[in-house]
Amino acid sequence: MNRLLDQSFQNKKNLFVPYVMSGDPTMDVSIDIALTLQEAGVDAIEWGVPFSDPLADGPVIQEAGGRSLKNGGNIIRAIEGIKIARGKGLTIPVVLFTYINPILAYGETEIISKMVEAEIDGLLIPDLPLEESEEIREKCHLEGISFISLIALNSQSRMATISQHGDGFLYFVSSLGVTGARENFSDRIEESIQTVKSMTDVPVLVGFGISKRKHVKYFHTISDGVIVGSALVHLIGEKKCALMEERDKANALGEIKEFVLELIS
């Protein structure tokens, strides 16, 4: 069952989806973080795959990916991590966030098969243009996995086409460039989001640069939800030593939970 397509996700207002780098600082800890985020009430999780050339990622997520790679992180281990998390009680939707090269290295069919086994609900590939995604999109569709499309502010001429391929949700990129916390957003963003919403039946979630409660509250008024990545990953990086110490882990996880609760309160 694809949890992204469940009405409890599709019809919910003010969706909140955090991004976590798998294997940062270790796979066991990132699984604990995922379960903690579920306790905090998030609606889904974007589960990052470490990659050596992450073109869409800013320095914070690049550093997290580097930590994961040093610990042996890769796409297979990332998928296995979710399978373990499901066994430990993770029930919310999960979207695998990866670049195309790791998928090609292992093969599309094998990766999708392993995603099905791990009960991963969606796949997002930021460096794969819509025009080149038909084959893997169809394979995902046949296995009940949502292929998540991204729409950027500079996608005006392609918004209708991309919106028509909305599956699970549409990821609206709030700003040009790479991921990372920001203070301000384009004046055109509200109009662009409303245009996309008028073209699709799936939720439109906004990501890139959202790091503060005021950002979350603002985007909840003009979209269906938000995706928070760098701000959370930065906090995980700050707490990495405590997260790896058994005596300090509970407190560190508690701080991560409080951070998320503050954003969505």
C-alpha atoms as a PDB file:
ATOM      1  CA  MET A   1       0.000   0.000   0.000  1.00  0.00           C
ATOM      2  CA  ASN A   2       1.296   3.425  -0.986  1.00  0.00           C
ATOM      3  CA  ARG A   3       0.834   5.598   2.089  1.00  0.00           C
ATOM      4  CA  LEU A   4       1.262   8.812   0.088  1.00  0.00           C
ATOM      5  CA  LEU A   5      -1.936   8.008  -1.792  1.00  0.00           C
ATOM      6  CA  ASP A   6      -3.949   7.399   1.350  1.00  0.00           C
ATOM      7  CA  GLN A   7      -6.627  10.015   1.939  1.00  0.00           C
ATOM      8  CA  SER A   8      -5.166  10.766   5.365  1.00  0.00           C
ATOM      9  CA  PHE A   9      -2.150  12.245   3.542  1.00  0.00           C
ATOM     10  CA  GLN A  10      -3.809  13.532   0.382  1.00  0.00           C
ATOM     11  CA  ASN A  11      -6.523  15.484   2.198  1.00  0.00           C
ATOM     12  CA  LYS A  12      -4.573  16.734   5.205  1.00  0.00           C
ATOM     13  CA  LYS A  13      -3.881  20.431   5.568  1.00  0.00           C
ATOM     14  CA  ASN A  14      -0.533  21.891   6.619  1.00  0.00           C
ATOM     15  CA  LEU A  15       1.582  18.861   5.807  1.00  0.00           C
ATOM     16  CA  PHE A  16       5.066  18.790   7.323  1.00  0.00           C
ATOM     17  CA  VAL A  17       7.761  16.589   5.778  1.00  0.00           C
ATOM     18  CA  PRO A  18      11.346  16.609   7.118  1.00  0.00           C
ATOM     19  CA  TYR A  19      14.423  15.458   5.216  1.00  0.00           C
ATOM     20  CA  VAL A  20      16.917  13.138   6.915  1.00  0.00           C
ATOM     21  CA  MET A  21      20.199  11.870   5.480  1.00  0.00           C
ATOM     22  CA  SER A  22      20.316   8.105   5.891  1.00  0.00           C
ATOM     23  CA  GLY A  23      23.371   6.919   7.794  1.00  0.00           C
ATOM     24  CA  ASP A  24      24.103  10.290   9.420  1.00  0.00           C
ATOM     25  CA  PRO A  25      25.811  10.037  11.817  1.00  0.00           C
ATOM     26  CA  THR A  26      25.210   6.244  11.678  1.00  0.00           C
ATOM     27  CA  MET A  27      22.439   4.150  10.156  1.00  0.00           C
ATOM     28  CA  ASP A  28      21.126   3.059  13.566  1.00  0.00           C
ATOM     29  CA  VAL A  29      20.963   6.674  14.716  1.00  0.00           C
ATOM     30  CA  SER A  30      19.242   7.886  11.559  1.00  0.00           C
ATOM     31  CA  ILE A  31      16.616   5.164  12.057  1.00  0.00           C
ATOM     32  CA  ASP A  32      16.111   6.404  15.633  1.00  0.00           C
ATOM     33  CA  ILE A  33      15.743   9.934  14.262  1.00  0.00           C
ATOM     34  CA  ALA A  34      13.088   8.789  11.792  1.00  0.00           C
ATOM     35  CA  LEU A  35      11.104   7.144  14.585  1.00  0.00           C
ATOM     36  CA  THR A  36      11.497  10.273  16.732  1.00  0.00           C
ATOM     37  CA  LEU A  37      10.173  12.445  13.898  1.00  0.00           C
ATOM     38  CA  GLN A  38       7.154  10.177  13.639  1.00  0.00           C
ATOM     39  CA  GLU A  39       6.577  10.666  17.377  1.00  0.00           C
ATOM     40  CA  ALA A  40       6.713  14.413  16.790  1.00  0.00           C
ATOM     41  CA  GLY A  41       3.804  14.116  14.357  1.00  0.00           C
ATOM     42  CA  VAL A  42       5.414  14.650  10.948  1.00  0.00           C
ATOM     43  CA  ASP A  43       3.377  13.471   7.981  1.00  0.00           C
ATOM     44  CA  ALA A  44       6.119  11.764   5.954  1.00  0.00           C
ATOM     45  CA  ILE A  45       9.900  11.583   5.719  1.00  0.00           C
ATOM     46  CA  GLU A  46      12.278  12.289   2.868  1.00  0.00           C
ATOM     47  CA  TRP A  47      15.095   9.773   3.278  1.00  0.00           C
ATOM     48  CA  GLY A  48      18.299  10.978   1.669  1.00  0.00           C
ATOM     49  CA  VAL A  49      20.844   8.778  -0.085  1.00  0.00           C
ATOM     50  CA  PRO A  50      24.478   9.912   0.248  1.00  0.00           C
ATOM     51  CA  PHE A  51      26.152  10.733  -3.060  1.00  0.00           C
ATOM     52  CA  SER A  52      29.598  12.069  -3.921  1.00  0.00           C
ATOM     53  CA  ASP A  53      28.343  14.750  -6.341  1.00  0.00           C
ATOM     54  CA  PRO A  54      25.033  16.091  -4.961  1.00  0.00           C
ATOM     55  CA  LEU A  55      24.354  18.973  -7.347  1.00  0.00           C
ATOM     56  CA  ALA A  56      21.122  20.167  -5.688  1.00  0.00           C
ATOM     57  CA  ASP A  57      22.441  20.090  -2.124  1.00  0.00           C
ATOM     58  CA  GLY A  58      23.937  22.946  -0.172  1.00  0.00           C
ATOM     59  CA  PRO A  59      26.895  22.595   2.211  1.00  0.00           C
ATOM     60  CA  VAL A  60      24.891  21.313   5.193  1.00  0.00           C
ATOM     61  CA  ILE A  61      23.411  18.325   3.382  1.00  0.00           C
ATOM     62  CA  GLN A  62      26.665  17.749   1.491  1.00  0.00           C
ATOM     63  CA  GLU A  63      28.472  17.430   4.829  1.00  0.00           C
ATOM     64  CA  ALA A  64      25.818  15.029   6.119  1.00  0.00           C
ATOM     65  CA  GLY A  65      26.205  12.946   2.974  1.00  0.00           C
ATOM     66  CA  GLY A  66      29.950  12.936   3.495  1.00  0.00           C
ATOM     67  CA  ARG A  67      29.538  11.637   7.033  1.00  0.00           C
ATOM     68  CA  SER A  68      27.248   8.892   5.774  1.00  0.00           C
ATOM     69  CA  LEU A  69      29.603   7.906   2.957  1.00  0.00           C
ATOM     70  CA  LYS A  70      32.479   7.580   5.428  1.00  0.00           C
ATOM     71  CA  ASN A  71      30.328   5.133   7.377  1.00  0.00           C
ATOM     72  CA  GLY A  72      29.680   3.026   4.292  1.00  0.00           C
ATOM     73  CA  GLY A  73      26.406   4.667   3.344  1.00  0.00           C
ATOM     74  CA  ASN A  74      24.916   3.977  -0.078  1.00  0.00           C
ATOM     75  CA  ILE A  75      21.536   3.511  -1.731  1.00  0.00           C
ATOM     76  CA  ILE A  76      21.218  -0.163  -0.783  1.00  0.00           C
ATOM     77  CA  ARG A  77      21.952   0.546   2.886  1.00  0.00           C
ATOM     78  CA  ALA A  78      19.537   3.483   2.798  1.00  0.00           C
ATOM     79  CA  ILE A  79      16.727   1.244   1.572  1.00  0.00           C
ATOM     80  CA  GLU A  80      17.614  -1.449   4.108  1.00  0.00           C
ATOM     81  CA  GLY A  81      17.487   1.232   6.810  1.00  0.00           C
ATOM     82  CA  ILE A  82      13.828   1.905   6.058  1.00  0.00           C
ATOM     83  CA  LYS A  83      13.076  -1.816   6.087  1.00  0.00           C
ATOM     84  CA  ILE A  84      14.546  -1.959   9.594  1.00  0.00           C
ATOM     85  CA  ALA A  85      12.633   1.164  10.611  1.00  0.00           C
ATOM     86  CA  ARG A  86       9.369  -0.374   9.391  1.00  0.00           C
ATOM     87  CA  GLY A  87      10.083  -3.373  11.620  1.00  0.00           C
ATOM     88  CA  LYS A  88      10.567  -1.009  14.540  1.00  0.00           C
ATOM     89  CA  GLY A  89       7.237   0.702  14.013  1.00  0.00           C
ATOM     90  CA  LEU A  90       7.685   3.366  11.329  1.00  0.00           C
ATOM     91  CA  THR A  91       4.266   3.702   9.695  1.00  0.00           C
ATOM     92  CA  ILE A  92       4.308   7.108   7.974  1.00  0.00           C
ATOM     93  CA  PRO A  93       5.094   7.539   4.256  1.00  0.00           C
ATOM     94  CA  VAL A  94       8.738   7.548   3.160  1.00  0.00           C
ATOM     95  CA  VAL A  95      10.158   9.106   0.002  1.00  0.00           C
ATOM     96  CA  LEU A  96      13.621   8.024  -1.130  1.00  0.00           C
ATOM     97  CA  PHE A  97      15.611  11.098  -2.216  1.00  0.00           C
ATOM     98  CA  THR A  98      18.492  10.089  -4.469  1.00  0.00           C
ATOM     99  CA  TYR A  99      20.408  11.155  -7.529  1.00  0.00           C
ATOM    100  CA  ILE A 100      20.173   9.065 -10.674  1.00  0.00           C
ATOM    101  CA  ASN A 101      23.727   7.660 -10.673  1.00  0.00           C
ATOM    102  CA  PRO A 102      23.288   5.417  -7.607  1.00  0.00           C
ATOM    103  CA  ILE A 103      20.171   3.951  -9.211  1.00  0.00           C
ATOM    104  CA  LEU A 104      21.947   3.318 -12.511  1.00  0.00           C
ATOM    105  CA  ALA A 105      24.868   1.727 -10.683  1.00  0.00           C
ATOM    106  CA  TYR A 106      22.648  -0.999  -9.201  1.00  0.00           C
ATOM    107  CA  GLY A 107      19.931  -1.055 -11.851  1.00  0.00           C
ATOM    108  CA  GLU A 108      16.461   0.482 -11.843  1.00  0.00           C
ATOM    109  CA  THR A 109      14.649  -2.831 -11.517  1.00  0.00           C
ATOM    110  CA  GLU A 110      16.712  -3.992  -8.531  1.00  0.00           C
ATOM    111  CA  ILE A 111      16.387  -0.683  -6.703  1.00  0.00           C
ATOM    112  CA  ILE A 112      12.634  -0.508  -7.197  1.00  0.00           C
ATOM    113  CA  SER A 113      12.261  -4.122  -6.096  1.00  0.00           C
ATOM    114  CA  LYS A 114      14.176  -3.391  -2.895  1.00  0.00           C
ATOM    115  CA  MET A 115      12.068  -0.258  -2.337  1.00  0.00           C
ATOM    116  CA  VAL A 116       8.921  -2.374  -2.530  1.00  0.00           C
ATOM    117  CA  GLU A 117      10.351  -4.825   0.016  1.00  0.00           C
ATOM    118  CA  ALA A 118      11.159  -1.920   2.352  1.00  0.00           C
ATOM    119  CA  GLU A 119       7.688  -0.385   1.897  1.00  0.00           C
ATOM    120  CA  ILE A 120       9.064   2.873   0.537  1.00  0.00           C
ATOM    121  CA  ASP A 121       6.229   4.915  -0.908  1.00  0.00           C
ATOM    122  CA  GLY A 122       7.881   7.428  -3.213  1.00  0.00           C
ATOM    123  CA  LEU A 123      10.995   8.182  -5.227  1.00  0.00           C
ATOM    124  CA  LEU A 124      12.450  11.632  -5.920  1.00  0.00           C
ATOM    125  CA  ILE A 125      15.412  12.158  -8.273  1.00  0.00           C
ATOM    126  CA  PRO A 126      16.370  15.854  -8.466  1.00  0.00           C
ATOM    127  CA  ASP A 127      18.823  15.501 -11.364  1.00  0.00           C
ATOM    128  CA  LEU A 128      16.473  13.555 -13.659  1.00  0.00           C
ATOM    129  CA  PRO A 129      14.424  15.889 -15.916  1.00  0.00           C
ATOM    130  CA  LEU A 130      10.797  15.027 -16.571  1.00  0.00           C
ATOM    131  CA  GLU A 131      11.579  14.398 -20.227  1.00  0.00           C
ATOM    132  CA  GLU A 132      14.070  11.653 -19.305  1.00  0.00           C
ATOM    133  CA  SER A 133      12.043  10.023 -16.521  1.00  0.00           C
ATOM    134  CA  GLU A 134       9.378   8.116 -18.461  1.00  0.00           C
ATOM    135  CA  GLU A 135      10.960   4.665 -18.139  1.00  0.00           C
ATOM    136  CA  ILE A 136      11.656   4.731 -14.407  1.00  0.00           C
ATOM    137  CA  ARG A 137       8.394   6.566 -13.754  1.00  0.00           C
ATOM    138  CA  GLU A 138       6.491   3.732 -15.433  1.00  0.00           C
ATOM    139  CA  LYS A 139       8.417   1.093 -13.467  1.00  0.00           C
ATOM    140  CA  CYS A 140       7.555   2.894 -10.232  1.00  0.00           C
ATOM    141  CA  HIS A 141       3.911   3.164 -11.237  1.00  0.00           C
ATOM    142  CA  LEU A 142       3.693  -0.569 -11.941  1.00  0.00           C
ATOM    143  CA  GLU A 143       5.021  -1.300  -8.428  1.00  0.00           C
ATOM    144  CA  GLY A 144       2.776   1.208  -6.684  1.00  0.00           C
ATOM    145  CA  ILE A 145       5.533   3.721  -5.932  1.00  0.00           C
ATOM    146  CA  SER A 146       4.904   7.431  -6.468  1.00  0.00           C
ATOM    147  CA  PHE A 147       7.456   9.209  -8.648  1.00  0.00           C
ATOM    148  CA  ILE A 148       7.712  12.707  -7.198  1.00  0.00           C
ATOM    149  CA  SER A 149       8.145  15.597  -9.626  1.00  0.00           C
ATOM    150  CA  LEU A 150       9.815  18.915  -8.846  1.00  0.00           C
ATOM    151  CA  ILE A 151       8.652  22.313 -10.071  1.00  0.00           C
ATOM    152  CA  ALA A 152      10.855  25.391  -9.787  1.00  0.00           C
ATOM    153  CA  LEU A 153      10.125  29.093 -10.061  1.00  0.00           C
ATOM    154  CA  ASN A 154      11.843  29.112 -13.444  1.00  0.00           C
ATOM    155  CA  SER A 155       9.650  26.271 -14.735  1.00  0.00           C
ATOM    156  CA  GLN A 156       6.881  28.602 -15.908  1.00  0.00           C
ATOM    157  CA  SER A 157       6.750  27.217 -19.446  1.00  0.00           C
ATOM    158  CA  ARG A 158       6.672  23.600 -18.165  1.00  0.00           C
ATOM    159  CA  MET A 159       4.395  23.951 -15.134  1.00  0.00           C
ATOM    160  CA  ALA A 160       1.332  22.476 -16.821  1.00  0.00           C
ATOM    161  CA  THR A 161       3.242  19.463 -18.157  1.00  0.00           C
ATOM    162  CA  ILE A 162       4.978  18.739 -14.857  1.00  0.00           C
ATOM    163  CA  SER A 163       1.780  19.274 -12.859  1.00  0.00           C
ATOM    164  CA  GLN A 164      -0.039  16.707 -14.963  1.00  0.00           C
ATOM    165  CA  HIS A 165       2.482  14.119 -13.771  1.00  0.00           C
ATOM    166  CA  GLY A 166       1.827  14.849 -10.098  1.00  0.00           C
ATOM    167  CA  ASP A 167       1.940  11.615  -8.107  1.00  0.00           C
ATOM    168  CA  GLY A 168       1.817  11.499  -4.306  1.00  0.00           C
ATOM    169  CA  PHE A 169       2.664  15.174  -4.136  1.00  0.00           C
ATOM    170  CA  LEU A 170       4.422  17.851  -6.156  1.00  0.00           C
ATOM    171  CA  TYR A 171       7.638  19.330  -4.762  1.00  0.00           C
ATOM    172  CA  PHE A 172       7.693  23.085  -5.392  1.00  0.00           C
ATOM    173  CA  VAL A 173      11.251  24.426  -5.169  1.00  0.00           C
ATOM    174  CA  SER A 174      10.965  27.779  -3.402  1.00  0.00           C
ATOM    175  CA  SER A 175      14.188  29.311  -4.696  1.00  0.00           C
ATOM    176  CA  LEU A 176      16.806  28.883  -7.357  1.00  0.00           C
ATOM    177  CA  GLY A 177      20.103  27.246  -6.499  1.00  0.00           C
ATOM    178  CA  VAL A 178      20.934  24.566  -3.954  1.00  0.00           C
ATOM    179  CA  THR A 179      19.323  23.609  -0.665  1.00  0.00           C
ATOM    180  CA  GLY A 180      20.058  25.664   2.443  1.00  0.00           C
ATOM    181  CA  ALA A 181      18.406  27.963   4.964  1.00  0.00           C
ATOM    182  CA  ARG A 182      17.228  31.350   3.653  1.00  0.00           C
ATOM    183  CA  GLU A 183      15.657  34.502   5.042  1.00  0.00           C
ATOM    184  CA  ASN A 184      13.646  35.722   2.059  1.00  0.00           C
ATOM    185  CA  PHE A 185      11.731  34.197  -0.833  1.00  0.00           C
ATOM    186  CA  SER A 186      10.707  35.442  -4.267  1.00  0.00           C
ATOM    187  CA  ASP A 187       7.752  37.815  -4.584  1.00  0.00           C
ATOM    188  CA  ARG A 188       6.476  35.550  -7.372  1.00  0.00           C
ATOM    189  CA  ILE A 189       6.234  32.446  -5.253  1.00  0.00           C
ATOM    190  CA  GLU A 190       2.640  32.785  -4.028  1.00  0.00           C
ATOM    191  CA  GLU A 191       1.252  33.323  -7.522  1.00  0.00           C
ATOM    192  CA  SER A 192       3.320  30.450  -8.898  1.00  0.00           C
ATOM    193  CA  ILE A 193       2.151  28.044  -6.180  1.00  0.00           C
ATOM    194  CA  GLN A 194      -1.486  28.956  -6.799  1.00  0.00           C
ATOM    195  CA  THR A 195      -0.973  28.337 -10.512  1.00  0.00           C
ATOM    196  CA  VAL A 196       0.445  24.874  -9.836  1.00  0.00           C
ATOM    197  CA  LYS A 197      -2.333  24.064  -7.354  1.00  0.00           C
ATOM    198  CA  SER A 198      -4.918  24.885 -10.026  1.00  0.00           C
ATOM    199  CA  MET A 199      -3.299  22.367 -12.381  1.00  0.00           C
ATOM    200  CA  THR A 200      -3.087  19.299 -10.130  1.00  0.00           C
ATOM    201  CA  ASP A 201      -5.159  17.203  -7.743  1.00  0.00           C
ATOM    202  CA  VAL A 202      -2.218  16.179  -5.512  1.00  0.00           C
ATOM    203  CA  PRO A 203      -0.784  18.226  -2.621  1.00  0.00           C
ATOM    204  CA  VAL A 204       1.782  20.897  -3.478  1.00  0.00           C
ATOM    205  CA  LEU A 205       4.595  20.990  -0.918  1.00  0.00           C
ATOM    206  CA  VAL A 206       7.228  23.717  -0.782  1.00  0.00           C
ATOM    207  CA  GLY A 207      10.891  23.025   0.000  1.00  0.00           C
ATOM    208  CA  PHE A 208      14.389  24.567  -0.174  1.00  0.00           C
ATOM    209  CA  GLY A 209      15.297  27.205   2.401  1.00  0.00           C
ATOM    210  CA  ILE A 210      12.482  26.685   4.910  1.00  0.00           C
ATOM    211  CA  SER A 211      14.132  26.794   8.320  1.00  0.00           C
ATOM    212  CA  LYS A 212      12.026  28.820  10.746  1.00  0.00           C
ATOM    213  CA  ARG A 213       8.567  28.691  12.283  1.00  0.00           C
ATOM    214  CA  LYS A 214       7.574  31.881  10.463  1.00  0.00           C
ATOM    215  CA  HIS A 215       8.523  30.248   7.145  1.00  0.00           C
ATOM    216  CA  VAL A 216       6.412  27.185   7.935  1.00  0.00           C
ATOM    217  CA  LYS A 217       3.427  29.297   8.962  1.00  0.00           C
ATOM    218  CA  TYR A 218       3.687  31.435   5.823  1.00  0.00           C
ATOM    219  CA  PHE A 219       3.920  28.536   3.399  1.00  0.00           C
ATOM    220  CA  HIS A 220       1.115  26.712   5.155  1.00  0.00           C
ATOM    221  CA  THR A 221      -1.129  29.633   4.155  1.00  0.00           C
ATOM    222  CA  ILE A 222      -0.318  29.382   0.444  1.00  0.00           C
ATOM    223  CA  SER A 223       0.497  25.701  -0.136  1.00  0.00           C
ATOM    224  CA  ASP A 224      -0.485  22.259   1.134  1.00  0.00           C
ATOM    225  CA  GLY A 225       2.652  21.739   3.163  1.00  0.00           C
ATOM    226  CA  VAL A 226       6.370  22.239   3.633  1.00  0.00           C
ATOM    227  CA  ILE A 227       9.573  20.227   3.422  1.00  0.00           C
ATOM    228  CA  VAL A 228      12.351  21.098   5.874  1.00  0.00           C
ATOM    229  CA  GLY A 229      15.833  19.770   5.215  1.00  0.00           C
ATOM    230  CA  SER A 230      18.978  21.774   5.913  1.00  0.00           C
ATOM    231  CA  ALA A 231      17.829  23.257   9.218  1.00  0.00           C
ATOM    232  CA  LEU A 232      17.097  19.811  10.644  1.00  0.00           C
ATOM    233  CA  VAL A 233      20.212  18.225   9.138  1.00  0.00           C
ATOM    234  CA  HIS A 234      22.292  21.047  10.637  1.00  0.00           C
ATOM    235  CA  LEU A 235      20.902  20.274  14.085  1.00  0.00           C
ATOM    236  CA  ILE A 236      21.631  16.564  13.629  1.00  0.00           C
ATOM    237  CA  GLY A 237      25.185  17.473  12.697  1.00  0.00           C
ATOM    238  CA  GLU A 238      25.543  19.579  15.839  1.00  0.00           C
ATOM    239  CA  LYS A 239      24.262  16.710  17.976  1.00  0.00           C
ATOM    240  CA  LYS A 240      26.133  13.909  16.211  1.00  0.00           C
ATOM    241  CA  CYS A 241      28.481  13.151  19.115  1.00  0.00           C
ATOM    242  CA  ALA A 242      25.640  13.033  21.656  1.00  0.00           C
ATOM    243  CA  LEU A 243      23.550  10.918  19.284  1.00  0.00           C
ATOM    244  CA  MET A 244      26.292   8.304  19.173  1.00  0.00           C
ATOM    245  CA  GLU A 245      26.691   8.157  22.966  1.00  0.00           C
ATOM    246  CA  GLU A 246      24.130   5.864  24.561  1.00  0.00           C
ATOM    247  CA  ARG A 247      23.953   7.961  27.732  1.00  0.00           C
ATOM    248  CA  ASP A 248      23.306  11.163  25.748  1.00  0.00           C
ATOM    249  CA  LYS A 249      21.213   9.837  22.848  1.00  0.00           C
ATOM    250  CA  ALA A 250      17.800  10.211  24.478  1.00  0.00           C
ATOM    251  CA  ASN A 251      18.396  13.868  25.283  1.00  0.00           C
ATOM    252  CA  ALA A 252      19.701  14.591  21.793  1.00  0.00           C
ATOM    253  CA  LEU A 253      16.689  12.890  20.190  1.00  0.00           C
ATOM    254  CA  GLY A 254      14.482  14.917  22.523  1.00  0.00           C
ATOM    255  CA  GLU A 255      16.055  18.134  21.269  1.00  0.00           C
ATOM    256  CA  ILE A 256      15.410  17.088  17.671  1.00  0.00           C
ATOM    257  CA  LYS A 257      11.790  16.368  18.542  1.00  0.00           C
ATOM    258  CA  GLU A 258      11.407  19.744  20.272  1.00  0.00           C
ATOM    259  CA  PHE A 259      12.912  21.503  17.248  1.00  0.00           C
ATOM    260  CA  VAL A 260      10.302  19.949  14.977  1.00  0.00           C
ATOM    261  CA  LEU A 261       7.435  20.587  17.406  1.00  0.00           C
ATOM    262  CA  GLU A 262       8.458  24.257  17.549  1.00  0.00           C
ATOM    263  CA  LEU A 263       8.351  24.501  13.754  1.00  0.00           C
ATOM    264  CA  ILE A 264       4.888  22.975  13.440  1.00  0.00           C
ATOM    265  CA  SER A 265       3.250  24.472  16.525  1.00  0.00           C
END
